[in-house]
Amino acid sequence: NPELRSMADKLKVTLVKSAHGRLAAHQACVRGLGLRRTQSSAVVIDTPENRGMIRKVSYLLKVEEA
């Protein structure tokens, strides 16, 4: 139920390494998470879809609970 979502189920993701020169699928995941350049951050909802993208490019990211 979307009305019951709290801040606990949001994640802050920060791009700490460049996606330049990575696999196209990994670049797509970075863009899909709303990240543009190194050190940019985005707050995303903690869903299985977002978790999958985060797991795929975890070597480029820093993840915190928002």
N, C-alpha and C. Protein backbone atom coordinates (compact mmCIF):
# COMPACT_ATOMS: atom_id res chain seq x y z
N ASN A 1 0.85 -1.19 0.00
CA ASN A 1 0.00 0.00 0.00
C ASN A 1 0.89 1.25 0.00
N PRO A 2 0.84 2.06 -1.06
CA PRO A 2 1.78 3.20 -1.17
C PRO A 2 1.63 4.22 -0.05
N GLU A 3 0.41 4.36 0.51
CA GLU A 3 0.23 5.37 1.57
C GLU A 3 0.98 4.98 2.84
N LEU A 4 1.25 3.69 3.02
CA LEU A 4 1.91 3.22 4.23
C LEU A 4 3.43 3.25 4.13
N ARG A 5 3.97 3.59 2.96
CA ARG A 5 5.42 3.63 2.80
C ARG A 5 6.01 4.75 3.66
N SER A 6 7.08 4.43 4.38
CA SER A 6 7.73 5.43 5.21
C SER A 6 9.12 5.72 4.64
N MET A 7 9.86 6.58 5.33
CA MET A 7 11.22 6.89 4.88
C MET A 7 12.12 5.67 4.99
N ALA A 8 11.74 4.70 5.81
CA ALA A 8 12.59 3.53 6.02
C ALA A 8 12.74 2.72 4.74
N ASP A 9 11.73 2.77 3.84
CA ASP A 9 11.89 1.99 2.62
C ASP A 9 12.30 2.85 1.44
N LYS A 10 13.21 3.77 1.71
CA LYS A 10 13.87 4.52 0.65
C LYS A 10 15.37 4.33 0.84
N LEU A 11 16.08 4.31 -0.28
CA LEU A 11 17.53 4.13 -0.25
C LEU A 11 18.19 5.31 -0.94
N LYS A 12 19.28 5.79 -0.34
CA LYS A 12 20.06 6.85 -0.98
C LYS A 12 21.26 6.18 -1.65
N VAL A 13 21.33 6.31 -2.97
CA VAL A 13 22.45 5.72 -3.71
C VAL A 13 23.33 6.84 -4.26
N THR A 14 24.64 6.66 -4.13
CA THR A 14 25.62 7.64 -4.60
C THR A 14 26.58 6.93 -5.53
N LEU A 15 26.81 7.52 -6.69
CA LEU A 15 27.76 6.96 -7.66
C LEU A 15 29.17 7.37 -7.24
N VAL A 16 29.97 6.41 -6.78
CA VAL A 16 31.32 6.74 -6.30
C VAL A 16 32.40 6.42 -7.32
N LYS A 17 32.07 5.60 -8.33
CA LYS A 17 33.00 5.33 -9.43
C LYS A 17 32.29 5.62 -10.74
N SER A 18 33.04 6.01 -11.75
CA SER A 18 32.45 6.37 -13.03
C SER A 18 31.85 5.15 -13.73
N ALA A 19 30.73 5.37 -14.42
CA ALA A 19 30.11 4.32 -15.24
C ALA A 19 30.69 4.34 -16.65
N HIS A 20 31.56 5.28 -16.94
CA HIS A 20 32.14 5.40 -18.27
C HIS A 20 32.96 4.16 -18.60
N GLY A 21 32.72 3.59 -19.78
CA GLY A 21 33.48 2.42 -20.21
C GLY A 21 32.98 1.11 -19.64
N ARG A 22 31.89 1.14 -18.87
CA ARG A 22 31.33 -0.10 -18.31
C ARG A 22 30.39 -0.73 -19.33
N LEU A 23 29.91 -1.92 -19.00
CA LEU A 23 28.95 -2.59 -19.88
C LEU A 23 27.72 -1.72 -20.06
N ALA A 24 27.14 -1.78 -21.26
CA ALA A 24 25.96 -0.96 -21.56
C ALA A 24 24.83 -1.25 -20.57
N ALA A 25 24.66 -2.50 -20.17
CA ALA A 25 23.61 -2.86 -19.22
C ALA A 25 23.86 -2.21 -17.87
N HIS A 26 25.13 -2.11 -17.48
CA HIS A 26 25.46 -1.49 -16.20
C HIS A 26 25.24 0.02 -16.27
N GLN A 27 25.60 0.63 -17.40
CA GLN A 27 25.34 2.06 -17.58
C GLN A 27 23.84 2.33 -17.51
N ALA A 28 23.04 1.43 -18.10
CA ALA A 28 21.59 1.59 -18.09
C ALA A 28 21.05 1.51 -16.66
N CYS A 29 21.62 0.63 -15.86
CA CYS A 29 21.20 0.52 -14.46
C CYS A 29 21.50 1.81 -13.69
N VAL A 30 22.70 2.35 -13.92
CA VAL A 30 23.08 3.60 -13.25
C VAL A 30 22.11 4.71 -13.63
N ARG A 31 21.79 4.82 -14.93
CA ARG A 31 20.84 5.86 -15.37
C ARG A 31 19.45 5.59 -14.82
N GLY A 32 19.08 4.31 -14.77
CA GLY A 32 17.76 3.93 -14.26
C GLY A 32 17.58 4.28 -12.80
N LEU A 33 18.68 4.33 -12.07
CA LEU A 33 18.62 4.72 -10.66
C LEU A 33 18.63 6.24 -10.51
N GLY A 34 18.72 6.97 -11.62
CA GLY A 34 18.67 8.43 -11.57
C GLY A 34 20.01 9.08 -11.31
N LEU A 35 21.10 8.35 -11.57
CA LEU A 35 22.44 8.89 -11.33
C LEU A 35 23.04 9.34 -12.65
N ARG A 36 23.70 10.50 -12.62
CA ARG A 36 24.26 11.05 -13.85
C ARG A 36 25.77 11.03 -13.84
N ARG A 37 26.39 11.65 -12.86
CA ARG A 37 27.85 11.74 -12.85
C ARG A 37 28.39 11.27 -11.51
N THR A 38 29.70 11.10 -11.46
CA THR A 38 30.35 10.65 -10.24
C THR A 38 29.99 11.60 -9.08
N GLN A 39 29.74 11.03 -7.92
CA GLN A 39 29.34 11.72 -6.70
C GLN A 39 27.90 12.25 -6.73
N SER A 40 27.13 11.95 -7.77
CA SER A 40 25.72 12.34 -7.76
C SER A 40 24.96 11.32 -6.92
N SER A 41 23.90 11.78 -6.26
CA SER A 41 23.10 10.92 -5.39
C SER A 41 21.65 10.96 -5.83
N ALA A 42 20.93 9.91 -5.48
CA ALA A 42 19.49 9.85 -5.75
C ALA A 42 18.86 9.04 -4.63
N VAL A 43 17.61 9.40 -4.29
CA VAL A 43 16.85 8.62 -3.32
C VAL A 43 15.83 7.81 -4.10
N VAL A 44 15.89 6.49 -3.95
CA VAL A 44 15.00 5.59 -4.68
C VAL A 44 14.18 4.78 -3.70
N ILE A 45 13.00 4.35 -4.12
CA ILE A 45 12.15 3.50 -3.30
C ILE A 45 12.74 2.10 -3.26
N ASP A 46 12.70 1.47 -2.10
CA ASP A 46 13.27 0.14 -1.91
C ASP A 46 12.32 -0.90 -2.48
N THR A 47 12.46 -1.18 -3.78
CA THR A 47 11.64 -2.20 -4.45
C THR A 47 12.56 -3.30 -4.96
N PRO A 48 12.02 -4.47 -5.26
CA PRO A 48 12.87 -5.53 -5.83
C PRO A 48 13.56 -5.11 -7.13
N GLU A 49 12.87 -4.30 -7.94
CA GLU A 49 13.46 -3.83 -9.20
C GLU A 49 14.68 -2.95 -8.94
N ASN A 50 14.52 -1.98 -8.03
CA ASN A 50 15.65 -1.10 -7.71
C ASN A 50 16.76 -1.87 -7.03
N ARG A 51 16.40 -2.82 -6.15
CA ARG A 51 17.42 -3.65 -5.48
C ARG A 51 18.24 -4.42 -6.51
N GLY A 52 17.59 -4.92 -7.55
CA GLY A 52 18.29 -5.66 -8.59
C GLY A 52 19.28 -4.79 -9.33
N MET A 53 18.87 -3.56 -9.66
CA MET A 53 19.78 -2.64 -10.35
C MET A 53 20.95 -2.28 -9.44
N ILE A 54 20.65 -2.04 -8.16
CA ILE A 54 21.71 -1.71 -7.20
C ILE A 54 22.69 -2.87 -7.08
N ARG A 55 22.18 -4.10 -7.01
CA ARG A 55 23.06 -5.27 -6.87
C ARG A 55 23.95 -5.42 -8.09
N LYS A 56 23.39 -5.13 -9.26
CA LYS A 56 24.15 -5.32 -10.51
C LYS A 56 25.33 -4.36 -10.60
N VAL A 57 25.17 -3.14 -10.11
CA VAL A 57 26.25 -2.14 -10.21
C VAL A 57 26.76 -1.74 -8.83
N SER A 58 26.66 -2.65 -7.86
CA SER A 58 27.05 -2.34 -6.48
C SER A 58 28.51 -1.91 -6.37
N TYR A 59 29.34 -2.37 -7.31
CA TYR A 59 30.77 -2.02 -7.29
C TYR A 59 31.01 -0.56 -7.66
N LEU A 60 29.97 0.14 -8.14
CA LEU A 60 30.10 1.56 -8.48
C LEU A 60 29.44 2.47 -7.45
N LEU A 61 28.68 1.89 -6.52
CA LEU A 61 27.78 2.67 -5.68
C LEU A 61 28.13 2.63 -4.21
N LYS A 62 27.63 3.66 -3.50
CA LYS A 62 27.55 3.63 -2.03
C LYS A 62 26.06 3.72 -1.74
N VAL A 63 25.55 2.83 -0.88
CA VAL A 63 24.11 2.77 -0.60
C VAL A 63 23.89 2.99 0.89
N GLU A 64 22.93 3.89 1.21
CA GLU A 64 22.56 4.15 2.60
C GLU A 64 21.05 4.14 2.69
N GLU A 65 20.52 3.85 3.89
CA GLU A 65 19.07 4.00 4.08
C GLU A 65 18.77 5.48 4.24
N ALA A 66 17.71 5.93 3.58
CA ALA A 66 17.37 7.36 3.62
C ALA A 66 16.32 7.60 4.69
